[in-house]
Structure formats: structure tokens, C-alpha cells
Amino acid sequence: MAKILIVDDAEFLRVRISKMLTADGYEVIEAENGAKAVSTYQASHPDLVLMDVTMPEMDGLTALKHIRAFDPKARVVMLTALGQESVVLEAIKSGARDFVVKPFERERVLGAISKLLV
């Protein structure tokens, strides 16, 4: 099954998503900020990244750009709060393949993942 990197500074959210994905058979790795996401991506080569936009140390947009520079084929889905539409547009322009608005539905997250892992 596919390996997914979950990137969010909120531990409870990483745990929630991790439980959801492992229950569906995915292998999960985690990072708590954008800087850690970039190094984890380079070391682990996950099949897909679920990444929050707003994080300390390095935000999701900056991390997205670093990951895409390292791997132009990287599949990244951004997790965003309501009201961050301009950030979503920049993320898509920077190579994000999809976005999920928080709070999210389980089906929306799994749908975004399955669509990109075809």
C-alpha cells in the first residue's frame, strides 16, 4: 500500500489522520513542520503528502516549493482552514495537486488520496 506523509503542527490532527489512513491500509509517516517535511520527504520518498498550510518554522507553501524542486512529480494535497482561498490558489500554482478544507470529512481526504494514487 502507498506511503503517505502527514505534515501538521497540531499533533491531534496528525494522530487523527494517521489512524484514519492506517485503518484503510496506508503506511503513514509524520512531520510537525515544513522543514521536517522536506527532510522527511527526501529521506522517505512517500507516495503522497498531506500538508497543512500554516505551520511554524517553515509554512506549507514554502515546504511545497522545496519538495517540488526536489521531486517535480511529488503529489501534495494541502490542508487549509476556511478563508484561505488565496493561499490555496498559490499552492495550486506552486504544484499542489489538490486541497482539503479543515475541518474535513473522512471521505474527502480519502477521495483526494485515491484520486492521486491512481
PDB file of N, CA and C in Angstrom:
ATOM      1  N   MET A   1       0.841  -1.185   0.000  1.00  0.00           N
ATOM      2  CA  MET A   1       0.000   0.000   0.000  1.00  0.00           C
ATOM      3  C   MET A   1       0.883   1.244   0.000  1.00  0.00           C
ATOM      4  N   ALA A   2       0.319   2.345  -0.359  1.00  0.00           N
ATOM      5  CA  ALA A   2       1.051   3.600  -0.502  1.00  0.00           C
ATOM      6  C   ALA A   2       1.515   4.170   0.843  1.00  0.00           C
ATOM      7  N   LYS A   3       2.632   4.892   0.784  1.00  0.00           N
ATOM      8  CA  LYS A   3       3.190   5.575   1.950  1.00  0.00           C
ATOM      9  C   LYS A   3       2.793   7.048   1.878  1.00  0.00           C
ATOM     10  N   ILE A   4       2.204   7.561   2.955  1.00  0.00           N
ATOM     11  CA  ILE A   4       1.714   8.940   2.985  1.00  0.00           C
ATOM     12  C   ILE A   4       2.391   9.700   4.126  1.00  0.00           C
ATOM     13  N   LEU A   5       2.898  10.881   3.793  1.00  0.00           N
ATOM     14  CA  LEU A   5       3.497  11.779   4.774  1.00  0.00           C
ATOM     15  C   LEU A   5       2.447  12.789   5.216  1.00  0.00           C
ATOM     16  N   ILE A   6       2.174  12.826   6.519  1.00  0.00           N
ATOM     17  CA  ILE A   6       1.229  13.780   7.094  1.00  0.00           C
ATOM     18  C   ILE A   6       2.038  14.886   7.764  1.00  0.00           C
ATOM     19  N   VAL A   7       1.765  16.127   7.360  1.00  0.00           N
ATOM     20  CA  VAL A   7       2.514  17.267   7.896  1.00  0.00           C
ATOM     21  C   VAL A   7       1.534  18.271   8.505  1.00  0.00           C
ATOM     22  N   ASP A   8       1.605  18.423   9.816  1.00  0.00           N
ATOM     23  CA  ASP A   8       0.763  19.392  10.519  1.00  0.00           C
ATOM     24  C   ASP A   8       1.395  19.649  11.869  1.00  0.00           C
ATOM     25  N   ASP A   9       1.359  20.893  12.319  1.00  0.00           N
ATOM     26  CA  ASP A   9       1.931  21.211  13.625  1.00  0.00           C
ATOM     27  C   ASP A   9       1.024  20.777  14.766  1.00  0.00           C
ATOM     28  N   ALA A  10      -0.222  20.462  14.488  1.00  0.00           N
ATOM     29  CA  ALA A  10      -1.161  20.007  15.515  1.00  0.00           C
ATOM     30  C   ALA A  10      -1.080  18.480  15.631  1.00  0.00           C
ATOM     31  N   GLU A  11      -0.521  18.011  16.745  1.00  0.00           N
ATOM     32  CA  GLU A  11      -0.339  16.574  16.924  1.00  0.00           C
ATOM     33  C   GLU A  11      -1.663  15.819  16.863  1.00  0.00           C
ATOM     34  N   PHE A  12      -2.720  16.375  17.474  1.00  0.00           N
ATOM     35  CA  PHE A  12      -4.013  15.680  17.477  1.00  0.00           C
ATOM     36  C   PHE A  12      -4.515  15.446  16.054  1.00  0.00           C
ATOM     37  N   LEU A  13      -4.240  16.387  15.157  1.00  0.00           N
ATOM     38  CA  LEU A  13      -4.676  16.239  13.766  1.00  0.00           C
ATOM     39  C   LEU A  13      -3.855  15.171  13.050  1.00  0.00           C
ATOM     40  N   ARG A  14      -2.543  15.155  13.296  1.00  0.00           N
ATOM     41  CA  ARG A  14      -1.705  14.108  12.701  1.00  0.00           C
ATOM     42  C   ARG A  14      -2.174  12.735  13.169  1.00  0.00           C
ATOM     43  N   VAL A  15      -2.466  12.614  14.459  1.00  0.00           N
ATOM     44  CA  VAL A  15      -2.920  11.336  15.006  1.00  0.00           C
ATOM     45  C   VAL A  15      -4.256  10.942  14.381  1.00  0.00           C
ATOM     46  N   ARG A  16      -5.172  11.892  14.281  1.00  0.00           N
ATOM     47  CA  ARG A  16      -6.497  11.613  13.696  1.00  0.00           C
ATOM     48  C   ARG A  16      -6.367  11.121  12.254  1.00  0.00           C
ATOM     49  N   ILE A  17      -5.586  11.823  11.453  1.00  0.00           N
ATOM     50  CA  ILE A  17      -5.414  11.436  10.052  1.00  0.00           C
ATOM     51  C   ILE A  17      -4.664  10.111   9.963  1.00  0.00           C
ATOM     52  N   SER A  18      -3.649   9.946  10.790  1.00  0.00           N
ATOM     53  CA  SER A  18      -2.865   8.711  10.786  1.00  0.00           C
ATOM     54  C   SER A  18      -3.742   7.492  11.078  1.00  0.00           C
ATOM     55  N   LYS A  19      -4.590   7.590  12.092  1.00  0.00           N
ATOM     56  CA  LYS A  19      -5.493   6.478  12.418  1.00  0.00           C
ATOM     57  C   LYS A  19      -6.427   6.173  11.253  1.00  0.00           C
ATOM     58  N   MET A  20      -6.954   7.222  10.635  1.00  0.00           N
ATOM     59  CA  MET A  20      -7.870   7.057   9.513  1.00  0.00           C
ATOM     60  C   MET A  20      -7.165   6.338   8.348  1.00  0.00           C
ATOM     61  N   LEU A  21      -5.941   6.757   8.046  1.00  0.00           N
ATOM     62  CA  LEU A  21      -5.235   6.192   6.901  1.00  0.00           C
ATOM     63  C   LEU A  21      -4.713   4.786   7.167  1.00  0.00           C
ATOM     64  N   THR A  22      -4.204   4.542   8.364  1.00  0.00           N
ATOM     65  CA  THR A  22      -3.716   3.186   8.652  1.00  0.00           C
ATOM     66  C   THR A  22      -4.878   2.199   8.671  1.00  0.00           C
ATOM     67  N   ALA A  23      -6.057   2.639   9.105  1.00  0.00           N
ATOM     68  CA  ALA A  23      -7.241   1.772   9.072  1.00  0.00           C
ATOM     69  C   ALA A  23      -7.608   1.397   7.639  1.00  0.00           C
ATOM     70  N   ASP A  24      -7.245   2.263   6.687  1.00  0.00           N
ATOM     71  CA  ASP A  24      -7.508   1.986   5.273  1.00  0.00           C
ATOM     72  C   ASP A  24      -6.321   1.296   4.596  1.00  0.00           C
ATOM     73  N   GLY A  25      -5.306   0.943   5.374  1.00  0.00           N
ATOM     74  CA  GLY A  25      -4.192   0.170   4.836  1.00  0.00           C
ATOM     75  C   GLY A  25      -2.986   0.964   4.359  1.00  0.00           C
ATOM     76  N   TYR A  26      -2.983   2.272   4.560  1.00  0.00           N
ATOM     77  CA  TYR A  26      -1.839   3.079   4.140  1.00  0.00           C
ATOM     78  C   TYR A  26      -0.733   3.041   5.186  1.00  0.00           C
ATOM     79  N   GLU A  27       0.506   3.153   4.734  1.00  0.00           N
ATOM     80  CA  GLU A  27       1.640   3.342   5.625  1.00  0.00           C
ATOM     81  C   GLU A  27       1.757   4.847   5.858  1.00  0.00           C
ATOM     82  N   VAL A  28       1.946   5.253   7.099  1.00  0.00           N
ATOM     83  CA  VAL A  28       1.944   6.679   7.434  1.00  0.00           C
ATOM     84  C   VAL A  28       3.251   7.066   8.115  1.00  0.00           C
ATOM     85  N   ILE A  29       3.789   8.213   7.690  1.00  0.00           N
ATOM     86  CA  ILE A  29       4.894   8.853   8.384  1.00  0.00           C
ATOM     87  C   ILE A  29       4.457  10.283   8.676  1.00  0.00           C
ATOM     88  N   GLU A  30       5.078  10.910   9.666  1.00  0.00           N
ATOM     89  CA  GLU A  30       4.611  12.225  10.100  1.00  0.00           C
ATOM     90  C   GLU A  30       5.753  13.226  10.208  1.00  0.00           C
ATOM     91  N   ALA A  31       5.385  14.501  10.069  1.00  0.00           N
ATOM     92  CA  ALA A  31       6.296  15.616  10.316  1.00  0.00           C
ATOM     93  C   ALA A  31       5.488  16.744  10.942  1.00  0.00           C
ATOM     94  N   GLU A  32       6.126  17.499  11.852  1.00  0.00           N
ATOM     95  CA  GLU A  32       5.382  18.522  12.587  1.00  0.00           C
ATOM     96  C   GLU A  32       5.551  19.932  12.030  1.00  0.00           C
ATOM     97  N   ASN A  33       6.366  20.095  10.993  1.00  0.00           N
ATOM     98  CA  ASN A  33       6.506  21.414  10.371  1.00  0.00           C
ATOM     99  C   ASN A  33       7.064  21.253   8.956  1.00  0.00           C
ATOM    100  N   GLY A  34       7.111  22.340   8.228  1.00  0.00           N
ATOM    101  CA  GLY A  34       7.543  22.278   6.839  1.00  0.00           C
ATOM    102  C   GLY A  34       8.989  21.870   6.661  1.00  0.00           C
ATOM    103  N   ALA A  35       9.875  22.345   7.540  1.00  0.00           N
ATOM    104  CA  ALA A  35      11.292  21.986   7.439  1.00  0.00           C
ATOM    105  C   ALA A  35      11.477  20.480   7.614  1.00  0.00           C
ATOM    106  N   LYS A  36      10.799  19.935   8.610  1.00  0.00           N
ATOM    107  CA  LYS A  36      10.865  18.483   8.844  1.00  0.00           C
ATOM    108  C   LYS A  36      10.230  17.727   7.685  1.00  0.00           C
ATOM    109  N   ALA A  37       9.181  18.294   7.091  1.00  0.00           N
ATOM    110  CA  ALA A  37       8.518  17.657   5.949  1.00  0.00           C
ATOM    111  C   ALA A  37       9.481  17.498   4.775  1.00  0.00           C
ATOM    112  N   VAL A  38      10.261  18.538   4.500  1.00  0.00           N
ATOM    113  CA  VAL A  38      11.200  18.488   3.378  1.00  0.00           C
ATOM    114  C   VAL A  38      12.245  17.405   3.613  1.00  0.00           C
ATOM    115  N   SER A  39      12.841  17.375   4.800  1.00  0.00           N
ATOM    116  CA  SER A  39      13.871  16.361   5.071  1.00  0.00           C
ATOM    117  C   SER A  39      13.276  14.952   5.106  1.00  0.00           C
ATOM    118  N   THR A  40      12.075  14.806   5.656  1.00  0.00           N
ATOM    119  CA  THR A  40      11.419  13.504   5.696  1.00  0.00           C
ATOM    120  C   THR A  40      11.071  13.038   4.287  1.00  0.00           C
ATOM    121  N   TYR A  41      10.602  13.952   3.459  1.00  0.00           N
ATOM    122  CA  TYR A  41      10.279  13.600   2.069  1.00  0.00           C
ATOM    123  C   TYR A  41      11.531  13.103   1.347  1.00  0.00           C
ATOM    124  N   GLN A  42      12.620  13.823   1.499  1.00  0.00           N
ATOM    125  CA  GLN A  42      13.855  13.454   0.811  1.00  0.00           C
ATOM    126  C   GLN A  42      14.388  12.105   1.292  1.00  0.00           C
ATOM    127  N   ALA A  43      14.202  11.793   2.562  1.00  0.00           N
ATOM    128  CA  ALA A  43      14.698  10.538   3.121  1.00  0.00           C
ATOM    129  C   ALA A  43      13.775   9.356   2.837  1.00  0.00           C
ATOM    130  N   SER A  44      12.451   9.612   2.790  1.00  0.00           N
ATOM    131  CA  SER A  44      11.478   8.516   2.734  1.00  0.00           C
ATOM    132  C   SER A  44      10.768   8.332   1.398  1.00  0.00           C
ATOM    133  N   HIS A  45      10.797   9.342   0.556  1.00  0.00           N
ATOM    134  CA  HIS A  45      10.128   9.287  -0.753  1.00  0.00           C
ATOM    135  C   HIS A  45       8.694   8.751  -0.670  1.00  0.00           C
ATOM    136  N   PRO A  46       7.821   9.428   0.092  1.00  0.00           N
ATOM    137  CA  PRO A  46       6.441   8.954   0.196  1.00  0.00           C
ATOM    138  C   PRO A  46       5.708   9.086  -1.140  1.00  0.00           C
ATOM    139  N   ASP A  47       4.622   8.342  -1.278  1.00  0.00           N
ATOM    140  CA  ASP A  47       3.814   8.386  -2.498  1.00  0.00           C
ATOM    141  C   ASP A  47       2.951   9.640  -2.561  1.00  0.00           C
ATOM    142  N   LEU A  48       2.639  10.213  -1.398  1.00  0.00           N
ATOM    143  CA  LEU A  48       1.765  11.369  -1.336  1.00  0.00           C
ATOM    144  C   LEU A  48       2.017  12.118  -0.029  1.00  0.00           C
ATOM    145  N   VAL A  49       1.780  13.428  -0.053  1.00  0.00           N
ATOM    146  CA  VAL A  49       1.938  14.264   1.142  1.00  0.00           C
ATOM    147  C   VAL A  49       0.622  14.978   1.414  1.00  0.00           C
ATOM    148  N   LEU A  50       0.160  14.927   2.660  1.00  0.00           N
ATOM    149  CA  LEU A  50      -0.957  15.741   3.139  1.00  0.00           C
ATOM    150  C   LEU A  50      -0.320  16.796   4.031  1.00  0.00           C
ATOM    151  N   MET A  51      -0.393  18.089   3.644  1.00  0.00           N
ATOM    152  CA  MET A  51       0.355  19.111   4.358  1.00  0.00           C
ATOM    153  C   MET A  51      -0.489  20.333   4.689  1.00  0.00           C
ATOM    154  N   ASP A  52      -0.396  20.736   5.957  1.00  0.00           N
ATOM    155  CA  ASP A  52      -1.057  21.948   6.423  1.00  0.00           C
ATOM    156  C   ASP A  52      -0.366  23.160   5.808  1.00  0.00           C
ATOM    157  N   VAL A  53      -1.116  24.230   5.628  1.00  0.00           N
ATOM    158  CA  VAL A  53      -0.563  25.461   5.075  1.00  0.00           C
ATOM    159  C   VAL A  53       0.166  26.261   6.152  1.00  0.00           C
ATOM    160  N   THR A  54      -0.457  26.442   7.312  1.00  0.00           N
ATOM    161  CA  THR A  54       0.072  27.312   8.357  1.00  0.00           C
ATOM    162  C   THR A  54       0.778  26.500   9.431  1.00  0.00           C
ATOM    163  N   MET A  55       2.115  26.652   9.488  1.00  0.00           N
ATOM    164  CA  MET A  55       2.923  25.940  10.483  1.00  0.00           C
ATOM    165  C   MET A  55       4.108  26.805  10.873  1.00  0.00           C
ATOM    166  N   PRO A  56       4.666  26.559  12.075  1.00  0.00           N
ATOM    167  CA  PRO A  56       5.879  27.283  12.470  1.00  0.00           C
ATOM    168  C   PRO A  56       7.102  26.730  11.741  1.00  0.00           C
ATOM    169  N   GLU A  57       8.179  27.452  11.843  1.00  0.00           N
ATOM    170  CA  GLU A  57       9.486  27.083  11.298  1.00  0.00           C
ATOM    171  C   GLU A  57       9.539  27.189   9.777  1.00  0.00           C
ATOM    172  N   MET A  58       8.655  26.505   9.070  1.00  0.00           N
ATOM    173  CA  MET A  58       8.523  26.651   7.620  1.00  0.00           C
ATOM    174  C   MET A  58       7.076  26.341   7.267  1.00  0.00           C
ATOM    175  N   ASP A  59       6.410  27.286   6.593  1.00  0.00           N
ATOM    176  CA  ASP A  59       4.999  27.055   6.270  1.00  0.00           C
ATOM    177  C   ASP A  59       4.849  26.040   5.137  1.00  0.00           C
ATOM    178  N   GLY A  60       3.622  25.615   4.934  1.00  0.00           N
ATOM    179  CA  GLY A  60       3.349  24.585   3.940  1.00  0.00           C
ATOM    180  C   GLY A  60       3.654  24.994   2.514  1.00  0.00           C
ATOM    181  N   LEU A  61       3.419  26.259   2.158  1.00  0.00           N
ATOM    182  CA  LEU A  61       3.707  26.712   0.790  1.00  0.00           C
ATOM    183  C   LEU A  61       5.200  26.664   0.501  1.00  0.00           C
ATOM    184  N   THR A  62       6.001  27.097   1.446  1.00  0.00           N
ATOM    185  CA  THR A  62       7.454  27.053   1.265  1.00  0.00           C
ATOM    186  C   THR A  62       7.931  25.605   1.177  1.00  0.00           C
ATOM    187  N   ALA A  63       7.413  24.760   2.058  1.00  0.00           N
ATOM    188  CA  ALA A  63       7.784  23.345   2.032  1.00  0.00           C
ATOM    189  C   ALA A  63       7.360  22.699   0.717  1.00  0.00           C
ATOM    190  N   LEU A  64       6.165  23.043   0.229  1.00  0.00           N
ATOM    191  CA  LEU A  64       5.686  22.531  -1.060  1.00  0.00           C
ATOM    192  C   LEU A  64       6.687  22.865  -2.164  1.00  0.00           C
ATOM    193  N   LYS A  65       7.143  24.102  -2.198  1.00  0.00           N
ATOM    194  CA  LYS A  65       8.094  24.531  -3.236  1.00  0.00           C
ATOM    195  C   LYS A  65       9.405  23.764  -3.134  1.00  0.00           C
ATOM    196  N   HIS A  66       9.890  23.536  -1.911  1.00  0.00           N
ATOM    197  CA  HIS A  66      11.126  22.765  -1.727  1.00  0.00           C
ATOM    198  C   HIS A  66      10.951  21.310  -2.160  1.00  0.00           C
ATOM    199  N   ILE A  67       9.825  20.719  -1.787  1.00  0.00           N
ATOM    200  CA  ILE A  67       9.560  19.328  -2.155  1.00  0.00           C
ATOM    201  C   ILE A  67       9.443  19.190  -3.668  1.00  0.00           C
ATOM    202  N   ARG A  68       8.728  20.110  -4.301  1.00  0.00           N
ATOM    203  CA  ARG A  68       8.557  20.054  -5.762  1.00  0.00           C
ATOM    204  C   ARG A  68       9.876  20.322  -6.498  1.00  0.00           C
ATOM    205  N   ALA A  69      10.746  21.141  -5.914  1.00  0.00           N
ATOM    206  CA  ALA A  69      12.070  21.367  -6.513  1.00  0.00           C
ATOM    207  C   ALA A  69      12.899  20.084  -6.449  1.00  0.00           C
ATOM    208  N   PHE A  70      12.770  19.353  -5.343  1.00  0.00           N
ATOM    209  CA  PHE A  70      13.473  18.080  -5.170  1.00  0.00           C
ATOM    210  C   PHE A  70      12.870  16.996  -6.059  1.00  0.00           C
ATOM    211  N   ASP A  71      11.527  16.977  -6.138  1.00  0.00           N
ATOM    212  CA  ASP A  71      10.807  15.962  -6.907  1.00  0.00           C
ATOM    213  C   ASP A  71       9.633  16.614  -7.623  1.00  0.00           C
ATOM    214  N   PRO A  72       9.823  17.002  -8.889  1.00  0.00           N
ATOM    215  CA  PRO A  72       8.759  17.674  -9.636  1.00  0.00           C
ATOM    216  C   PRO A  72       7.471  16.852  -9.782  1.00  0.00           C
ATOM    217  N   LYS A  73       7.548  15.547  -9.556  1.00  0.00           N
ATOM    218  CA  LYS A  73       6.361  14.689  -9.672  1.00  0.00           C
ATOM    219  C   LYS A  73       5.680  14.454  -8.318  1.00  0.00           C
ATOM    220  N   ALA A  74       6.153  15.129  -7.281  1.00  0.00           N
ATOM    221  CA  ALA A  74       5.582  14.946  -5.939  1.00  0.00           C
ATOM    222  C   ALA A  74       4.086  15.233  -5.951  1.00  0.00           C
ATOM    223  N   ARG A  75       3.348  14.370  -5.266  1.00  0.00           N
ATOM    224  CA  ARG A  75       1.897  14.547  -5.140  1.00  0.00           C
ATOM    225  C   ARG A  75       1.609  15.094  -3.744  1.00  0.00           C
ATOM    226  N   VAL A  76       1.180  16.365  -3.718  1.00  0.00           N
ATOM    227  CA  VAL A  76       0.950  17.048  -2.446  1.00  0.00           C
ATOM    228  C   VAL A  76      -0.482  17.563  -2.404  1.00  0.00           C
ATOM    229  N   VAL A  77      -1.171  17.250  -1.306  1.00  0.00           N
ATOM    230  CA  VAL A  77      -2.512  17.758  -1.038  1.00  0.00           C
ATOM    231  C   VAL A  77      -2.387  18.697   0.150  1.00  0.00           C
ATOM    232  N   MET A  78      -2.833  19.933  -0.023  1.00  0.00           N
ATOM    233  CA  MET A  78      -2.739  20.922   1.046  1.00  0.00           C
ATOM    234  C   MET A  78      -3.978  20.852   1.941  1.00  0.00           C
ATOM    235  N   LEU A  79      -3.745  20.985   3.243  1.00  0.00           N
ATOM    236  CA  LEU A  79      -4.820  21.073   4.230  1.00  0.00           C
ATOM    237  C   LEU A  79      -4.923  22.539   4.619  1.00  0.00           C
ATOM    238  N   THR A  80      -6.098  23.105   4.474  1.00  0.00           N
ATOM    239  CA  THR A  80      -6.247  24.538   4.692  1.00  0.00           C
ATOM    240  C   THR A  80      -7.501  24.843   5.502  1.00  0.00           C
ATOM    241  N   ALA A  81      -7.446  25.930   6.240  1.00  0.00           N
ATOM    242  CA  ALA A  81      -8.605  26.380   7.007  1.00  0.00           C
ATOM    243  C   ALA A  81      -9.528  27.189   6.101  1.00  0.00           C
ATOM    244  N   LEU A  82     -10.764  27.297   6.501  1.00  0.00           N
ATOM    245  CA  LEU A  82     -11.697  28.146   5.764  1.00  0.00           C
ATOM    246  C   LEU A  82     -11.157  29.567   5.690  1.00  0.00           C
ATOM    247  N   GLY A  83     -11.377  30.227   4.570  1.00  0.00           N
ATOM    248  CA  GLY A  83     -10.952  31.610   4.434  1.00  0.00           C
ATOM    249  C   GLY A  83      -9.543  31.788   3.899  1.00  0.00           C
ATOM    250  N   GLN A  84      -8.900  30.710   3.488  1.00  0.00           N
ATOM    251  CA  GLN A  84      -7.540  30.806   2.964  1.00  0.00           C
ATOM    252  C   GLN A  84      -7.511  30.569   1.450  1.00  0.00           C
ATOM    253  N   GLU A  85      -8.530  31.063   0.748  1.00  0.00           N
ATOM    254  CA  GLU A  85      -8.640  30.799  -0.686  1.00  0.00           C
ATOM    255  C   GLU A  85      -7.444  31.298  -1.483  1.00  0.00           C
ATOM    256  N   SER A  86      -6.902  32.469  -1.129  1.00  0.00           N
ATOM    257  CA  SER A  86      -5.757  32.998  -1.863  1.00  0.00           C
ATOM    258  C   SER A  86      -4.534  32.107  -1.681  1.00  0.00           C
ATOM    259  N   VAL A  87      -4.400  31.528  -0.503  1.00  0.00           N
ATOM    260  CA  VAL A  87      -3.297  30.613  -0.238  1.00  0.00           C
ATOM    261  C   VAL A  87      -3.466  29.340  -1.068  1.00  0.00           C
ATOM    262  N   VAL A  88      -4.698  28.866  -1.184  1.00  0.00           N
ATOM    263  CA  VAL A  88      -4.978  27.675  -1.981  1.00  0.00           C
ATOM    264  C   VAL A  88      -4.582  27.917  -3.434  1.00  0.00           C
ATOM    265  N   LEU A  89      -4.932  29.088  -3.970  1.00  0.00           N
ATOM    266  CA  LEU A  89      -4.563  29.399  -5.354  1.00  0.00           C
ATOM    267  C   LEU A  89      -3.054  29.397  -5.531  1.00  0.00           C
ATOM    268  N   GLU A  90      -2.335  29.977  -4.594  1.00  0.00           N
ATOM    269  CA  GLU A  90      -0.870  29.974  -4.684  1.00  0.00           C
ATOM    270  C   GLU A  90      -0.323  28.549  -4.584  1.00  0.00           C
ATOM    271  N   ALA A  91      -0.917  27.740  -3.728  1.00  0.00           N
ATOM    272  CA  ALA A  91      -0.479  26.350  -3.581  1.00  0.00           C
ATOM    273  C   ALA A  91      -0.674  25.574  -4.885  1.00  0.00           C
ATOM    274  N   ILE A  92      -1.804  25.757  -5.525  1.00  0.00           N
ATOM    275  CA  ILE A  92      -2.074  25.072  -6.797  1.00  0.00           C
ATOM    276  C   ILE A  92      -1.067  25.540  -7.852  1.00  0.00           C
ATOM    277  N   LYS A  93      -0.810  26.840  -7.900  1.00  0.00           N
ATOM    278  CA  LYS A  93       0.185  27.375  -8.846  1.00  0.00           C
ATOM    279  C   LYS A  93       1.575  26.830  -8.556  1.00  0.00           C
ATOM    280  N   SER A  94       1.844  26.516  -7.299  1.00  0.00           N
ATOM    281  CA  SER A  94       3.153  26.007  -6.894  1.00  0.00           C
ATOM    282  C   SER A  94       3.270  24.494  -7.029  1.00  0.00           C
ATOM    283  N   GLY A  95       2.204  23.850  -7.472  1.00  0.00           N
ATOM    284  CA  GLY A  95       2.294  22.421  -7.734  1.00  0.00           C
ATOM    285  C   GLY A  95       1.468  21.505  -6.866  1.00  0.00           C
ATOM    286  N   ALA A  96       0.699  22.047  -5.916  1.00  0.00           N
ATOM    287  CA  ALA A  96      -0.187  21.184  -5.137  1.00  0.00           C
ATOM    288  C   ALA A  96      -1.213  20.568  -6.075  1.00  0.00           C
ATOM    289  N   ARG A  97      -1.538  19.316  -5.855  1.00  0.00           N
ATOM    290  CA  ARG A  97      -2.460  18.615  -6.743  1.00  0.00           C
ATOM    291  C   ARG A  97      -3.915  18.738  -6.310  1.00  0.00           C
ATOM    292  N   ASP A  98      -4.137  19.070  -5.029  1.00  0.00           N
ATOM    293  CA  ASP A  98      -5.496  19.179  -4.508  1.00  0.00           C
ATOM    294  C   ASP A  98      -5.396  19.889  -3.159  1.00  0.00           C
ATOM    295  N   PHE A  99      -6.555  20.185  -2.581  1.00  0.00           N
ATOM    296  CA  PHE A  99      -6.584  20.754  -1.241  1.00  0.00           C
ATOM    297  C   PHE A  99      -7.825  20.245  -0.534  1.00  0.00           C
ATOM    298  N   VAL A 100      -7.738  20.185   0.781  1.00  0.00           N
ATOM    299  CA  VAL A 100      -8.843  19.757   1.630  1.00  0.00           C
ATOM    300  C   VAL A 100      -9.030  20.833   2.686  1.00  0.00           C
ATOM    301  N   VAL A 101     -10.262  21.319   2.834  1.00  0.00           N
ATOM    302  CA  VAL A 101     -10.573  22.357   3.808  1.00  0.00           C
ATOM    303  C   VAL A 101     -10.866  21.719   5.166  1.00  0.00           C
ATOM    304  N   LYS A 102     -10.231  22.266   6.210  1.00  0.00           N
ATOM    305  CA  LYS A 102     -10.481  21.803   7.577  1.00  0.00           C
ATOM    306  C   LYS A 102     -11.637  22.613   8.164  1.00  0.00           C
ATOM    307  N   PRO A 103     -12.470  22.056   8.993  1.00  0.00           N
ATOM    308  CA  PRO A 103     -12.478  20.647   9.369  1.00  0.00           C
ATOM    309  C   PRO A 103     -12.936  19.793   8.197  1.00  0.00           C
ATOM    310  N   PHE A 104     -12.340  18.647   8.041  1.00  0.00           N
ATOM    311  CA  PHE A 104     -12.577  17.845   6.851  1.00  0.00           C
ATOM    312  C   PHE A 104     -13.383  16.590   7.151  1.00  0.00           C
ATOM    313  N   GLU A 105     -13.998  16.103   6.109  1.00  0.00           N
ATOM    314  CA  GLU A 105     -14.724  14.830   6.181  1.00  0.00           C
ATOM    315  C   GLU A 105     -13.766  13.712   5.783  1.00  0.00           C
ATOM    316  N   ARG A 106     -13.890  12.584   6.420  1.00  0.00           N
ATOM    317  CA  ARG A 106     -13.061  11.413   6.127  1.00  0.00           C
ATOM    318  C   ARG A 106     -13.090  11.090   4.636  1.00  0.00           C
ATOM    319  N   GLU A 107     -14.295  11.108   4.042  1.00  0.00           N
ATOM    320  CA  GLU A 107     -14.460  10.746   2.638  1.00  0.00           C
ATOM    321  C   GLU A 107     -13.726  11.716   1.712  1.00  0.00           C
ATOM    322  N   ARG A 108     -13.675  12.989   2.093  1.00  0.00           N
ATOM    323  CA  ARG A 108     -12.992  13.986   1.264  1.00  0.00           C
ATOM    324  C   ARG A 108     -11.485  13.721   1.236  1.00  0.00           C
ATOM    325  N   VAL A 109     -10.913  13.404   2.399  1.00  0.00           N
ATOM    326  CA  VAL A 109      -9.486  13.112   2.480  1.00  0.00           C
ATOM    327  C   VAL A 109      -9.159  11.848   1.684  1.00  0.00           C
ATOM    328  N   LEU A 110      -9.914  10.790   1.927  1.00  0.00           N
ATOM    329  CA  LEU A 110      -9.659   9.531   1.218  1.00  0.00           C
ATOM    330  C   LEU A 110      -9.901   9.665  -0.289  1.00  0.00           C
ATOM    331  N   GLY A 111     -10.880  10.472  -0.662  1.00  0.00           N
ATOM    332  CA  GLY A 111     -11.142  10.707  -2.088  1.00  0.00           C
ATOM    333  C   GLY A 111      -9.988  11.425  -2.762  1.00  0.00           C
ATOM    334  N   ALA A 112      -9.432  12.434  -2.108  1.00  0.00           N
ATOM    335  CA  ALA A 112      -8.294  13.171  -2.664  1.00  0.00           C
ATOM    336  C   ALA A 112      -7.094  12.242  -2.825  1.00  0.00           C
ATOM    337  N   ILE A 113      -6.873  11.386  -1.839  1.00  0.00           N
ATOM    338  CA  ILE A 113      -5.749  10.454  -1.893  1.00  0.00           C
ATOM    339  C   ILE A 113      -5.931   9.450  -3.017  1.00  0.00           C
ATOM    340  N   SER A 114      -7.095   8.808  -3.075  1.00  0.00           N
ATOM    341  CA  SER A 114      -7.303   7.768  -4.091  1.00  0.00           C
ATOM    342  C   SER A 114      -7.259   8.346  -5.505  1.00  0.00           C
ATOM    343  N   LYS A 115      -7.720   9.578  -5.677  1.00  0.00           N
ATOM    344  CA  LYS A 115      -7.693  10.231  -6.987  1.00  0.00           C
ATOM    345  C   LYS A 115      -6.256  10.411  -7.479  1.00  0.00           C
ATOM    346  N   LEU A 116      -5.345  10.721  -6.556  1.00  0.00           N
ATOM    347  CA  LEU A 116      -3.970  10.995  -6.940  1.00  0.00           C
ATOM    348  C   LEU A 116      -3.077   9.759  -6.992  1.00  0.00           C
ATOM    349  N   LEU A 117      -3.503   8.696  -6.359  1.00  0.00           N
ATOM    350  CA  LEU A 117      -2.676   7.487  -6.340  1.00  0.00           C
ATOM    351  C   LEU A 117      -3.098   6.469  -7.395  1.00  0.00           C
ATOM    352  N   VAL A 118      -3.803   6.918  -8.407  1.00  0.00           N
ATOM    353  CA  VAL A 118      -4.253   6.004  -9.480  1.00  0.00           C
ATOM    354  C   VAL A 118      -3.067   5.589 -10.308  1.00  0.00           C
TER     355      VAL A 118
END
